Amino acid sequence: MAVNNEALEKREFQVEREMLAKVRGVPVESIEAQPYRYDQEVNNAVERRQSVFEDELLAESEPGRRIRQLRVEKDSLLDTIWIATSPREIKVLWTKVGELLGDEQTALVRDALAIEPVED
């Protein structure tokens, strides 16, 4: 039994349109029938949802909450290093902006702010 490549490609395109319609929350008919692939938009939506589920699962346990906290510190590591090596005025400003925005400082940022600036 020979496989009809054209029929397979047409079905694959229809499935991609259906996935995109589901991601966008719209009817399939509203998705334009253009010959480009929708993979990236669908993949991005799946990754965002996966991230939400992962955060929810991590929040359920103490080790998971610690992992989330370490990820936050990792994401702000360059800022933390900059703070640690900054003069006193920058550290004061950083603290005031954080208070104004209601940002909670990580332990690493608090440690960085406590480092005495090196005088030239």
PDB file of N, CA and C in Angstrom:
ATOM      1  N   MET A   1       0.843  -1.184   0.000  1.00  0.00           N
ATOM      2  CA  MET A   1       0.000   0.000   0.000  1.00  0.00           C
ATOM      3  C   MET A   1       0.885   1.244   0.000  1.00  0.00           C
ATOM      4  N   ALA A   2       0.815   2.018  -1.037  1.00  0.00           N
ATOM      5  CA  ALA A   2       1.649   3.206  -1.187  1.00  0.00           C
ATOM      6  C   ALA A   2       1.067   4.365  -0.375  1.00  0.00           C
ATOM      7  N   VAL A   3       1.968   5.112   0.235  1.00  0.00           N
ATOM      8  CA  VAL A   3       1.560   6.262   1.032  1.00  0.00           C
ATOM      9  C   VAL A   3       1.557   7.488   0.124  1.00  0.00           C
ATOM     10  N   ASN A   4       0.495   8.209   0.148  1.00  0.00           N
ATOM     11  CA  ASN A   4       0.361   9.408  -0.667  1.00  0.00           C
ATOM     12  C   ASN A   4       0.949  10.585   0.115  1.00  0.00           C
ATOM     13  N   ASN A   5       2.135  11.038  -0.302  1.00  0.00           N
ATOM     14  CA  ASN A   5       2.824  12.132   0.394  1.00  0.00           C
ATOM     15  C   ASN A   5       2.009  13.411   0.424  1.00  0.00           C
ATOM     16  N   GLU A   6       1.332  13.708  -0.661  1.00  0.00           N
ATOM     17  CA  GLU A   6       0.535  14.925  -0.714  1.00  0.00           C
ATOM     18  C   GLU A   6      -0.603  14.880   0.314  1.00  0.00           C
ATOM     19  N   ALA A   7      -1.235  13.737   0.448  1.00  0.00           N
ATOM     20  CA  ALA A   7      -2.318  13.593   1.430  1.00  0.00           C
ATOM     21  C   ALA A   7      -1.777  13.694   2.858  1.00  0.00           C
ATOM     22  N   LEU A   8      -0.594  13.118   3.088  1.00  0.00           N
ATOM     23  CA  LEU A   8       0.023  13.208   4.415  1.00  0.00           C
ATOM     24  C   LEU A   8       0.385  14.652   4.768  1.00  0.00           C
ATOM     25  N   GLU A   9       0.952  15.371   3.810  1.00  0.00           N
ATOM     26  CA  GLU A   9       1.320  16.766   4.055  1.00  0.00           C
ATOM     27  C   GLU A   9       0.078  17.615   4.322  1.00  0.00           C
ATOM     28  N   LYS A  10      -0.998  17.346   3.593  1.00  0.00           N
ATOM     29  CA  LYS A  10      -2.235  18.084   3.792  1.00  0.00           C
ATOM     30  C   LYS A  10      -2.795  17.804   5.190  1.00  0.00           C
ATOM     31  N   ARG A  11      -2.763  16.546   5.609  1.00  0.00           N
ATOM     32  CA  ARG A  11      -3.263  16.191   6.944  1.00  0.00           C
ATOM     33  C   ARG A  11      -2.385  16.793   8.034  1.00  0.00           C
ATOM     34  N   GLU A  12      -1.075  16.770   7.832  1.00  0.00           N
ATOM     35  CA  GLU A  12      -0.154  17.361   8.806  1.00  0.00           C
ATOM     36  C   GLU A  12      -0.434  18.863   8.962  1.00  0.00           C
ATOM     37  N   PHE A  13      -0.654  19.545   7.854  1.00  0.00           N
ATOM     38  CA  PHE A  13      -0.952  20.970   7.901  1.00  0.00           C
ATOM     39  C   PHE A  13      -2.263  21.217   8.645  1.00  0.00           C
ATOM     40  N   GLN A  14      -3.263  20.364   8.409  1.00  0.00           N
ATOM     41  CA  GLN A  14      -4.551  20.511   9.092  1.00  0.00           C
ATOM     42  C   GLN A  14      -4.392  20.305  10.595  1.00  0.00           C
ATOM     43  N   VAL A  15      -3.595  19.344  10.997  1.00  0.00           N
ATOM     44  CA  VAL A  15      -3.353  19.100  12.420  1.00  0.00           C
ATOM     45  C   VAL A  15      -2.645  20.298  13.046  1.00  0.00           C
ATOM     46  N   GLU A  16      -1.682  20.876  12.328  1.00  0.00           N
ATOM     47  CA  GLU A  16      -0.987  22.061  12.827  1.00  0.00           C
ATOM     48  C   GLU A  16      -1.959  23.228  12.999  1.00  0.00           C
ATOM     49  N   ARG A  17      -2.864  23.402  12.067  1.00  0.00           N
ATOM     50  CA  ARG A  17      -3.880  24.458  12.192  1.00  0.00           C
ATOM     51  C   ARG A  17      -4.764  24.201  13.405  1.00  0.00           C
ATOM     52  N   GLU A  18      -5.124  22.948  13.631  1.00  0.00           N
ATOM     53  CA  GLU A  18      -5.968  22.605  14.782  1.00  0.00           C
ATOM     54  C   GLU A  18      -5.236  22.887  16.095  1.00  0.00           C
ATOM     55  N   MET A  19      -3.942  22.555  16.149  1.00  0.00           N
ATOM     56  CA  MET A  19      -3.167  22.837  17.366  1.00  0.00           C
ATOM     57  C   MET A  19      -3.098  24.337  17.621  1.00  0.00           C
ATOM     58  N   LEU A  20      -2.836  25.104  16.573  1.00  0.00           N
ATOM     59  CA  LEU A  20      -2.736  26.549  16.727  1.00  0.00           C
ATOM     60  C   LEU A  20      -4.074  27.151  17.148  1.00  0.00           C
ATOM     61  N   ALA A  21      -5.152  26.645  16.587  1.00  0.00           N
ATOM     62  CA  ALA A  21      -6.482  27.128  16.973  1.00  0.00           C
ATOM     63  C   ALA A  21      -6.732  26.840  18.451  1.00  0.00           C
ATOM     64  N   LYS A  22      -6.331  25.684  18.907  1.00  0.00           N
ATOM     65  CA  LYS A  22      -6.499  25.327  20.317  1.00  0.00           C
ATOM     66  C   LYS A  22      -5.679  26.258  21.206  1.00  0.00           C
ATOM     67  N   VAL A  23      -4.434  26.506  20.809  1.00  0.00           N
ATOM     68  CA  VAL A  23      -3.550  27.388  21.575  1.00  0.00           C
ATOM     69  C   VAL A  23      -4.122  28.797  21.634  1.00  0.00           C
ATOM     70  N   ARG A  24      -4.640  29.267  20.517  1.00  0.00           N
ATOM     71  CA  ARG A  24      -5.190  30.631  20.459  1.00  0.00           C
ATOM     72  C   ARG A  24      -6.605  30.723  21.018  1.00  0.00           C
ATOM     73  N   GLY A  25      -7.261  29.566  21.167  1.00  0.00           N
ATOM     74  CA  GLY A  25      -8.628  29.569  21.663  1.00  0.00           C
ATOM     75  C   GLY A  25      -9.625  30.104  20.655  1.00  0.00           C
ATOM     76  N   VAL A  26      -9.378  29.794  19.385  1.00  0.00           N
ATOM     77  CA  VAL A  26     -10.254  30.268  18.306  1.00  0.00           C
ATOM     78  C   VAL A  26     -10.687  29.077  17.453  1.00  0.00           C
ATOM     79  N   PRO A  27     -11.725  29.246  16.623  1.00  0.00           N
ATOM     80  CA  PRO A  27     -12.113  28.154  15.724  1.00  0.00           C
ATOM     81  C   PRO A  27     -11.041  27.895  14.660  1.00  0.00           C
ATOM     82  N   VAL A  28     -10.936  26.658  14.237  1.00  0.00           N
ATOM     83  CA  VAL A  28      -9.926  26.275  13.228  1.00  0.00           C
ATOM     84  C   VAL A  28     -10.103  27.098  11.954  1.00  0.00           C
ATOM     85  N   GLU A  29     -11.348  27.403  11.620  1.00  0.00           N
ATOM     86  CA  GLU A  29     -11.625  28.143  10.384  1.00  0.00           C
ATOM     87  C   GLU A  29     -11.008  29.537  10.390  1.00  0.00           C
ATOM     88  N   SER A  30     -10.726  30.078  11.580  1.00  0.00           N
ATOM     89  CA  SER A  30     -10.153  31.425  11.658  1.00  0.00           C
ATOM     90  C   SER A  30      -8.639  31.430  11.425  1.00  0.00           C
ATOM     91  N   ILE A  31      -8.029  30.258  11.409  1.00  0.00           N
ATOM     92  CA  ILE A  31      -6.586  30.152  11.147  1.00  0.00           C
ATOM     93  C   ILE A  31      -6.379  30.157   9.645  1.00  0.00           C
ATOM     94  N   GLU A  32      -5.581  31.112   9.188  1.00  0.00           N
ATOM     95  CA  GLU A  32      -5.334  31.239   7.757  1.00  0.00           C
ATOM     96  C   GLU A  32      -4.632  30.000   7.221  1.00  0.00           C
ATOM     97  N   ALA A  33      -5.047  29.583   6.063  1.00  0.00           N
ATOM     98  CA  ALA A  33      -4.435  28.415   5.424  1.00  0.00           C
ATOM     99  C   ALA A  33      -3.248  28.877   4.589  1.00  0.00           C
ATOM    100  N   GLN A  34      -2.161  29.140   5.287  1.00  0.00           N
ATOM    101  CA  GLN A  34      -0.947  29.561   4.601  1.00  0.00           C
ATOM    102  C   GLN A  34       0.076  28.437   4.683  1.00  0.00           C
ATOM    103  N   PRO A  35       0.990  28.382   3.745  1.00  0.00           N
ATOM    104  CA  PRO A  35       1.912  27.254   3.671  1.00  0.00           C
ATOM    105  C   PRO A  35       3.073  27.281   4.666  1.00  0.00           C
ATOM    106  N   TYR A  36       3.055  28.199   5.632  1.00  0.00           N
ATOM    107  CA  TYR A  36       4.144  28.184   6.598  1.00  0.00           C
ATOM    108  C   TYR A  36       3.750  27.371   7.822  1.00  0.00           C
ATOM    109  N   ARG A  37       4.722  26.998   8.593  1.00  0.00           N
ATOM    110  CA  ARG A  37       4.494  26.156   9.772  1.00  0.00           C
ATOM    111  C   ARG A  37       4.188  26.992  11.002  1.00  0.00           C
ATOM    112  N   TYR A  38       3.359  26.444  11.874  1.00  0.00           N
ATOM    113  CA  TYR A  38       2.964  27.106  13.101  1.00  0.00           C
ATOM    114  C   TYR A  38       3.683  26.534  14.319  1.00  0.00           C
ATOM    115  N   ASP A  39       4.671  25.700  14.084  1.00  0.00           N
ATOM    116  CA  ASP A  39       5.340  24.982  15.167  1.00  0.00           C
ATOM    117  C   ASP A  39       5.838  25.888  16.285  1.00  0.00           C
ATOM    118  N   GLN A  40       6.460  27.000  15.938  1.00  0.00           N
ATOM    119  CA  GLN A  40       7.084  27.841  16.958  1.00  0.00           C
ATOM    120  C   GLN A  40       6.056  28.412  17.930  1.00  0.00           C
ATOM    121  N   GLU A  41       4.954  28.907  17.419  1.00  0.00           N
ATOM    122  CA  GLU A  41       3.923  29.462  18.300  1.00  0.00           C
ATOM    123  C   GLU A  41       3.329  28.389  19.210  1.00  0.00           C
ATOM    124  N   VAL A  42       3.083  27.215  18.653  1.00  0.00           N
ATOM    125  CA  VAL A  42       2.542  26.109  19.451  1.00  0.00           C
ATOM    126  C   VAL A  42       3.571  25.668  20.486  1.00  0.00           C
ATOM    127  N   ASN A  43       4.820  25.521  20.071  1.00  0.00           N
ATOM    128  CA  ASN A  43       5.878  25.119  21.011  1.00  0.00           C
ATOM    129  C   ASN A  43       6.036  26.134  22.143  1.00  0.00           C
ATOM    130  N   ASN A  44       5.996  27.422  21.829  1.00  0.00           N
ATOM    131  CA  ASN A  44       6.097  28.460  22.863  1.00  0.00           C
ATOM    132  C   ASN A  44       4.945  28.352  23.860  1.00  0.00           C
ATOM    133  N   ALA A  45       3.736  28.121  23.355  1.00  0.00           N
ATOM    134  CA  ALA A  45       2.574  27.996  24.241  1.00  0.00           C
ATOM    135  C   ALA A  45       2.708  26.768  25.141  1.00  0.00           C
ATOM    136  N   VAL A  46       3.181  25.673  24.585  1.00  0.00           N
ATOM    137  CA  VAL A  46       3.376  24.449  25.376  1.00  0.00           C
ATOM    138  C   VAL A  46       4.447  24.677  26.443  1.00  0.00           C
ATOM    139  N   GLU A  47       5.537  25.331  26.079  1.00  0.00           N
ATOM    140  CA  GLU A  47       6.611  25.601  27.050  1.00  0.00           C
ATOM    141  C   GLU A  47       6.136  26.522  28.172  1.00  0.00           C
ATOM    142  N   ARG A  48       5.343  27.552  27.845  1.00  0.00           N
ATOM    143  CA  ARG A  48       4.807  28.445  28.885  1.00  0.00           C
ATOM    144  C   ARG A  48       3.918  27.677  29.847  1.00  0.00           C
ATOM    145  N   ARG A  49       3.050  26.834  29.312  1.00  0.00           N
ATOM    146  CA  ARG A  49       2.134  26.067  30.162  1.00  0.00           C
ATOM    147  C   ARG A  49       2.913  25.056  31.001  1.00  0.00           C
ATOM    148  N   GLN A  50       3.914  24.443  30.404  1.00  0.00           N
ATOM    149  CA  GLN A  50       4.760  23.496  31.126  1.00  0.00           C
ATOM    150  C   GLN A  50       5.451  24.189  32.293  1.00  0.00           C
ATOM    151  N   SER A  51       5.908  25.410  32.066  1.00  0.00           N
ATOM    152  CA  SER A  51       6.569  26.175  33.115  1.00  0.00           C
ATOM    153  C   SER A  51       5.611  26.465  34.272  1.00  0.00           C
ATOM    154  N   VAL A  52       4.361  26.785  33.947  1.00  0.00           N
ATOM    155  CA  VAL A  52       3.361  27.046  34.984  1.00  0.00           C
ATOM    156  C   VAL A  52       3.134  25.778  35.814  1.00  0.00           C
ATOM    157  N   PHE A  53       2.965  24.647  35.147  1.00  0.00           N
ATOM    158  CA  PHE A  53       2.761  23.385  35.863  1.00  0.00           C
ATOM    159  C   PHE A  53       3.969  23.048  36.731  1.00  0.00           C
ATOM    160  N   GLU A  54       5.149  23.261  36.190  1.00  0.00           N
ATOM    161  CA  GLU A  54       6.366  22.974  36.948  1.00  0.00           C
ATOM    162  C   GLU A  54       6.437  23.832  38.205  1.00  0.00           C
ATOM    163  N   ASP A  55       6.145  25.121  38.077  1.00  0.00           N
ATOM    164  CA  ASP A  55       6.139  26.017  39.243  1.00  0.00           C
ATOM    165  C   ASP A  55       5.119  25.564  40.286  1.00  0.00           C
ATOM    166  N   GLU A  56       3.943  25.167  39.826  1.00  0.00           N
ATOM    167  CA  GLU A  56       2.913  24.692  40.756  1.00  0.00           C
ATOM    168  C   GLU A  56       3.385  23.443  41.502  1.00  0.00           C
ATOM    169  N   LEU A  57       4.020  22.535  40.784  1.00  0.00           N
ATOM    170  CA  LEU A  57       4.524  21.317  41.428  1.00  0.00           C
ATOM    171  C   LEU A  57       5.649  21.629  42.415  1.00  0.00           C
ATOM    172  N   LEU A  58       6.546  22.514  42.023  1.00  0.00           N
ATOM    173  CA  LEU A  58       7.654  22.871  42.907  1.00  0.00           C
ATOM    174  C   LEU A  58       7.161  23.568  44.173  1.00  0.00           C
ATOM    175  N   ALA A  59       6.089  24.323  44.058  1.00  0.00           N
ATOM    176  CA  ALA A  59       5.563  25.066  45.206  1.00  0.00           C
ATOM    177  C   ALA A  59       4.960  24.147  46.267  1.00  0.00           C
ATOM    178  N   GLU A  60       4.721  22.908  45.927  1.00  0.00           N
ATOM    179  CA  GLU A  60       4.057  21.979  46.841  1.00  0.00           C
ATOM    180  C   GLU A  60       4.984  21.358  47.885  1.00  0.00           C
ATOM    181  N   SER A  61       6.278  21.528  47.738  1.00  0.00           N
ATOM    182  CA  SER A  61       7.195  20.899  48.698  1.00  0.00           C
ATOM    183  C   SER A  61       8.317  21.862  49.067  1.00  0.00           C
ATOM    184  N   GLU A  62       8.920  21.621  50.210  1.00  0.00           N
ATOM    185  CA  GLU A  62      10.026  22.471  50.657  1.00  0.00           C
ATOM    186  C   GLU A  62      11.216  22.408  49.691  1.00  0.00           C
ATOM    187  N   PRO A  63      11.644  21.207  49.264  1.00  0.00           N
ATOM    188  CA  PRO A  63      12.750  21.171  48.284  1.00  0.00           C
ATOM    189  C   PRO A  63      12.381  21.894  46.982  1.00  0.00           C
ATOM    190  N   GLY A  64      11.138  21.787  46.554  1.00  0.00           N
ATOM    191  CA  GLY A  64      10.690  22.469  45.343  1.00  0.00           C
ATOM    192  C   GLY A  64      10.732  23.980  45.503  1.00  0.00           C
ATOM    193  N   ARG A  65      10.301  24.462  46.672  1.00  0.00           N
ATOM    194  CA  ARG A  65      10.353  25.910  46.922  1.00  0.00           C
ATOM    195  C   ARG A  65      11.799  26.393  46.940  1.00  0.00           C
ATOM    196  N   ARG A  66      12.697  25.584  47.457  1.00  0.00           N
ATOM    197  CA  ARG A  66      14.126  25.948  47.470  1.00  0.00           C
ATOM    198  C   ARG A  66      14.676  26.006  46.047  1.00  0.00           C
ATOM    199  N   ILE A  67      14.255  25.073  45.201  1.00  0.00           N
ATOM    200  CA  ILE A  67      14.676  25.077  43.794  1.00  0.00           C
ATOM    201  C   ILE A  67      14.200  26.357  43.113  1.00  0.00           C
ATOM    202  N   ARG A  68      12.948  26.746  43.360  1.00  0.00           N
ATOM    203  CA  ARG A  68      12.426  27.995  42.781  1.00  0.00           C
ATOM    204  C   ARG A  68      13.238  29.190  43.254  1.00  0.00           C
ATOM    205  N   GLN A  69      13.572  29.204  44.542  1.00  0.00           N
ATOM    206  CA  GLN A  69      14.358  30.308  45.100  1.00  0.00           C
ATOM    207  C   GLN A  69      15.745  30.367  44.451  1.00  0.00           C
ATOM    208  N   LEU A  70      16.372  29.221  44.270  1.00  0.00           N
ATOM    209  CA  LEU A  70      17.693  29.196  43.641  1.00  0.00           C
ATOM    210  C   LEU A  70      17.628  29.647  42.180  1.00  0.00           C
ATOM    211  N   ARG A  71      16.551  29.331  41.503  1.00  0.00           N
ATOM    212  CA  ARG A  71      16.386  29.786  40.114  1.00  0.00           C
ATOM    213  C   ARG A  71      16.291  31.308  40.058  1.00  0.00           C
ATOM    214  N   VAL A  72      15.578  31.893  41.009  1.00  0.00           N
ATOM    215  CA  VAL A  72      15.469  33.360  41.067  1.00  0.00           C
ATOM    216  C   VAL A  72      16.851  33.961  41.283  1.00  0.00           C
ATOM    217  N   GLU A  73      17.609  33.384  42.205  1.00  0.00           N
ATOM    218  CA  GLU A  73      18.959  33.899  42.453  1.00  0.00           C
ATOM    219  C   GLU A  73      19.846  33.735  41.229  1.00  0.00           C
ATOM    220  N   LYS A  74      19.714  32.623  40.538  1.00  0.00           N
ATOM    221  CA  LYS A  74      20.509  32.398  39.328  1.00  0.00           C
ATOM    222  C   LYS A  74      20.168  33.440  38.268  1.00  0.00           C
ATOM    223  N   ASP A  75      18.881  33.720  38.102  1.00  0.00           N
ATOM    224  CA  ASP A  75      18.451  34.685  37.091  1.00  0.00           C
ATOM    225  C   ASP A  75      18.941  36.103  37.388  1.00  0.00           C
ATOM    226  N   SER A  76      19.170  36.415  38.663  1.00  0.00           N
ATOM    227  CA  SER A  76      19.621  37.759  39.023  1.00  0.00           C
ATOM    228  C   SER A  76      21.102  37.801  39.408  1.00  0.00           C
ATOM    229  N   LEU A  77      21.838  36.779  39.055  1.00  0.00           N
ATOM    230  CA  LEU A  77      23.235  36.682  39.478  1.00  0.00           C
ATOM    231  C   LEU A  77      24.103  37.829  38.964  1.00  0.00           C
ATOM    232  N   LEU A  78      23.939  38.214  37.710  1.00  0.00           N
ATOM    233  CA  LEU A  78      24.758  39.320  37.180  1.00  0.00           C
ATOM    234  C   LEU A  78      24.471  40.623  37.915  1.00  0.00           C
ATOM    235  N   ASP A  79      23.191  40.882  38.200  1.00  0.00           N
ATOM    236  CA  ASP A  79      22.845  42.075  38.981  1.00  0.00           C
ATOM    237  C   ASP A  79      23.454  42.002  40.372  1.00  0.00           C
ATOM    238  N   THR A  80      23.431  40.819  40.965  1.00  0.00           N
ATOM    239  CA  THR A  80      23.968  40.641  42.313  1.00  0.00           C
ATOM    240  C   THR A  80      25.470  40.912  42.345  1.00  0.00           C
ATOM    241  N   ILE A  81      26.173  40.427  41.344  1.00  0.00           N
ATOM    242  CA  ILE A  81      27.617  40.682  41.260  1.00  0.00           C
ATOM    243  C   ILE A  81      27.870  42.173  41.079  1.00  0.00           C
ATOM    244  N   TRP A  82      27.059  42.810  40.226  1.00  0.00           N
ATOM    245  CA  TRP A  82      27.198  44.247  40.006  1.00  0.00           C
ATOM    246  C   TRP A  82      26.979  45.001  41.319  1.00  0.00           C
ATOM    247  N   ILE A  83      25.968  44.597  42.079  1.00  0.00           N
ATOM    248  CA  ILE A  83      25.691  45.246  43.365  1.00  0.00           C
ATOM    249  C   ILE A  83      26.867  45.065  44.320  1.00  0.00           C
ATOM    250  N   ALA A  84      27.394  43.865  44.369  1.00  0.00           N
ATOM    251  CA  ALA A  84      28.493  43.565  45.301  1.00  0.00           C
ATOM    252  C   ALA A  84      29.722  44.406  45.015  1.00  0.00           C
ATOM    253  N   THR A  85      29.912  44.782  43.753  1.00  0.00           N
ATOM    254  CA  THR A  85      31.113  45.540  43.375  1.00  0.00           C
ATOM    255  C   THR A  85      30.848  47.029  43.187  1.00  0.00           C
ATOM    256  N   SER A  86      29.655  47.473  43.529  1.00  0.00           N
ATOM    257  CA  SER A  86      29.265  48.873  43.329  1.00  0.00           C
ATOM    258  C   SER A  86      29.601  49.740  44.539  1.00  0.00           C
ATOM    259  N   PRO A  87      29.699  51.040  44.305  1.00  0.00           N
ATOM    260  CA  PRO A  87      29.921  51.962  45.423  1.00  0.00           C
ATOM    261  C   PRO A  87      28.661  52.061  46.305  1.00  0.00           C
ATOM    262  N   ARG A  88      28.843  52.622  47.459  1.00  0.00           N
ATOM    263  CA  ARG A  88      27.786  52.730  48.465  1.00  0.00           C
ATOM    264  C   ARG A  88      26.521  53.418  47.905  1.00  0.00           C
ATOM    265  N   GLU A  89      26.683  54.474  47.109  1.00  0.00           N
ATOM    266  CA  GLU A  89      25.538  55.210  46.574  1.00  0.00           C
ATOM    267  C   GLU A  89      24.635  54.310  45.710  1.00  0.00           C
ATOM    268  N   ILE A  90      25.250  53.474  44.931  1.00  0.00           N
ATOM    269  CA  ILE A  90      24.483  52.556  44.069  1.00  0.00           C
ATOM    270  C   ILE A  90      23.727  51.550  44.939  1.00  0.00           C
ATOM    271  N   LYS A  91      24.375  51.065  45.989  1.00  0.00           N
ATOM    272  CA  LYS A  91      23.726  50.095  46.880  1.00  0.00           C
ATOM    273  C   LYS A  91      22.520  50.718  47.575  1.00  0.00           C
ATOM    274  N   VAL A  92      22.664  51.962  48.003  1.00  0.00           N
ATOM    275  CA  VAL A  92      21.552  52.661  48.647  1.00  0.00           C
ATOM    276  C   VAL A  92      20.412  52.845  47.644  1.00  0.00           C
ATOM    277  N   LEU A  93      20.760  53.278  46.447  1.00  0.00           N
ATOM    278  CA  LEU A  93      19.748  53.473  45.408  1.00  0.00           C
ATOM    279  C   LEU A  93      19.045  52.158  45.081  1.00  0.00           C
ATOM    280  N   TRP A  94      19.801  51.087  44.947  1.00  0.00           N
ATOM    281  CA  TRP A  94      19.242  49.757  44.652  1.00  0.00           C
ATOM    282  C   TRP A  94      18.234  49.355  45.734  1.00  0.00           C
ATOM    283  N   THR A  95      18.600  49.579  46.974  1.00  0.00           N
ATOM    284  CA  THR A  95      17.717  49.238  48.091  1.00  0.00           C
ATOM    285  C   THR A  95      16.434  50.055  48.040  1.00  0.00           C
ATOM    286  N   LYS A  96      16.560  51.356  47.778  1.00  0.00           N
ATOM    287  CA  LYS A  96      15.375  52.219  47.725  1.00  0.00           C
ATOM    288  C   LYS A  96      14.449  51.837  46.569  1.00  0.00           C
ATOM    289  N   VAL A  97      15.006  51.538  45.422  1.00  0.00           N
ATOM    290  CA  VAL A  97      14.186  51.140  44.273  1.00  0.00           C
ATOM    291  C   VAL A  97      13.478  49.827  44.578  1.00  0.00           C
ATOM    292  N   GLY A  98      14.188  48.883  45.184  1.00  0.00           N
ATOM    293  CA  GLY A  98      13.581  47.608  45.559  1.00  0.00           C
ATOM    294  C   GLY A  98      12.426  47.788  46.530  1.00  0.00           C
ATOM    295  N   GLU A  99      12.612  48.671  47.490  1.00  0.00           N
ATOM    296  CA  GLU A  99      11.536  48.954  48.454  1.00  0.00           C
ATOM    297  C   GLU A  99      10.343  49.600  47.754  1.00  0.00           C
ATOM    298  N   LEU A 100      10.627  50.530  46.859  1.00  0.00           N
ATOM    299  CA  LEU A 100       9.566  51.214  46.125  1.00  0.00           C
ATOM    300  C   LEU A 100       8.752  50.228  45.288  1.00  0.00           C
ATOM    301  N   LEU A 101       9.444  49.280  44.665  1.00  0.00           N
ATOM    302  CA  LEU A 101       8.769  48.298  43.807  1.00  0.00           C
ATOM    303  C   LEU A 101       8.190  47.126  44.593  1.00  0.00           C
ATOM    304  N   GLY A 102       8.546  47.033  45.871  1.00  0.00           N
ATOM    305  CA  GLY A 102       8.064  45.925  46.679  1.00  0.00           C
ATOM    306  C   GLY A 102       8.779  44.618  46.392  1.00  0.00           C
ATOM    307  N   ASP A 103       9.989  44.709  45.846  1.00  0.00           N
ATOM    308  CA  ASP A 103      10.773  43.500  45.558  1.00  0.00           C
ATOM    309  C   ASP A 103      11.369  42.942  46.840  1.00  0.00           C
ATOM    310  N   GLU A 104      11.269  41.634  46.978  1.00  0.00           N
ATOM    311  CA  GLU A 104      11.896  40.976  48.113  1.00  0.00           C
ATOM    312  C   GLU A 104      13.314  40.581  47.706  1.00  0.00           C
ATOM    313  N   GLN A 105      14.279  40.990  48.502  1.00  0.00           N
ATOM    314  CA  GLN A 105      15.670  40.677  48.182  1.00  0.00           C
ATOM    315  C   GLN A 105      15.972  39.224  48.527  1.00  0.00           C
ATOM    316  N   THR A 106      16.747  38.590  47.647  1.00  0.00           N
ATOM    317  CA  THR A 106      17.200  37.234  47.945  1.00  0.00           C
ATOM    318  C   THR A 106      18.322  37.330  48.969  1.00  0.00           C
ATOM    319  N   ALA A 107      18.652  36.199  49.564  1.00  0.00           N
ATOM    320  CA  ALA A 107      19.734  36.166  50.552  1.00  0.00           C
ATOM    321  C   ALA A 107      21.048  36.608  49.918  1.00  0.00           C
ATOM    322  N   LEU A 108      21.255  36.207  48.690  1.00  0.00           N
ATOM    323  CA  LEU A 108      22.492  36.562  47.999  1.00  0.00           C
ATOM    324  C   LEU A 108      22.576  38.074  47.759  1.00  0.00           C
ATOM    325  N   VAL A 109      21.472  38.695  47.400  1.00  0.00           N
ATOM    326  CA  VAL A 109      21.453  40.152  47.197  1.00  0.00           C
ATOM    327  C   VAL A 109      21.695  40.865  48.523  1.00  0.00           C
ATOM    328  N   ARG A 110      21.064  40.384  49.589  1.00  0.00           N
ATOM    329  CA  ARG A 110      21.301  40.996  50.907  1.00  0.00           C
ATOM    330  C   ARG A 110      22.775  40.904  51.283  1.00  0.00           C
ATOM    331  N   ASP A 111      23.393  39.766  51.017  1.00  0.00           N
ATOM    332  CA  ASP A 111      24.827  39.606  51.284  1.00  0.00           C
ATOM    333  C   ASP A 111      25.651  40.567  50.434  1.00  0.00           C
ATOM    334  N   ALA A 112      25.264  40.707  49.158  1.00  0.00           N
ATOM    335  CA  ALA A 112      25.998  41.604  48.258  1.00  0.00           C
ATOM    336  C   ALA A 112      25.901  43.053  48.722  1.00  0.00           C
ATOM    337  N   LEU A 113      24.715  43.436  49.190  1.00  0.00           N
ATOM    338  CA  LEU A 113      24.536  44.803  49.677  1.00  0.00           C
ATOM    339  C   LEU A 113      25.334  45.073  50.952  1.00  0.00           C
ATOM    340  N   ALA A 114      25.613  44.022  51.719  1.00  0.00           N
ATOM    341  CA  ALA A 114      26.349  44.181  52.966  1.00  0.00           C
ATOM    342  C   ALA A 114      27.861  44.285  52.764  1.00  0.00           C
ATOM    343  N   ILE A 115      28.339  43.958  51.572  1.00  0.00           N
ATOM    344  CA  ILE A 115      29.781  44.033  51.302  1.00  0.00           C
ATOM    345  C   ILE A 115      30.200  45.499  51.238  1.00  0.00           C
ATOM    346  N   GLU A 116      31.208  45.820  52.002  1.00  0.00           N
ATOM    347  CA  GLU A 116      31.730  47.191  51.997  1.00  0.00           C
ATOM    348  C   GLU A 116      32.412  47.485  50.674  1.00  0.00           C
ATOM    349  N   PRO A 117      32.102  48.636  50.081  1.00  0.00           N
ATOM    350  CA  PRO A 117      32.740  48.994  48.809  1.00  0.00           C
ATOM    351  C   PRO A 117      34.242  49.182  48.993  1.00  0.00           C
ATOM    352  N   VAL A 118      34.971  48.836  47.954  1.00  0.00           N
ATOM    353  CA  VAL A 118      36.426  49.019  47.939  1.00  0.00           C
ATOM    354  C   VAL A 118      36.708  50.465  47.565  1.00  0.00           C
ATOM    355  N   GLU A 119      37.500  51.109  48.362  1.00  0.00           N
ATOM    356  CA  GLU A 119      37.874  52.509  48.075  1.00  0.00           C
ATOM    357  C   GLU A 119      39.096  52.511  47.180  1.00  0.00           C
ATOM    358  N   ASP A 120      39.084  53.419  46.200  1.00  0.00           N
ATOM    359  CA  ASP A 120      40.245  53.533  45.274  1.00  0.00           C
ATOM    360  C   ASP A 120      41.364  54.314  45.894  1.00  0.00           C
TER     361      ASP A 120
END
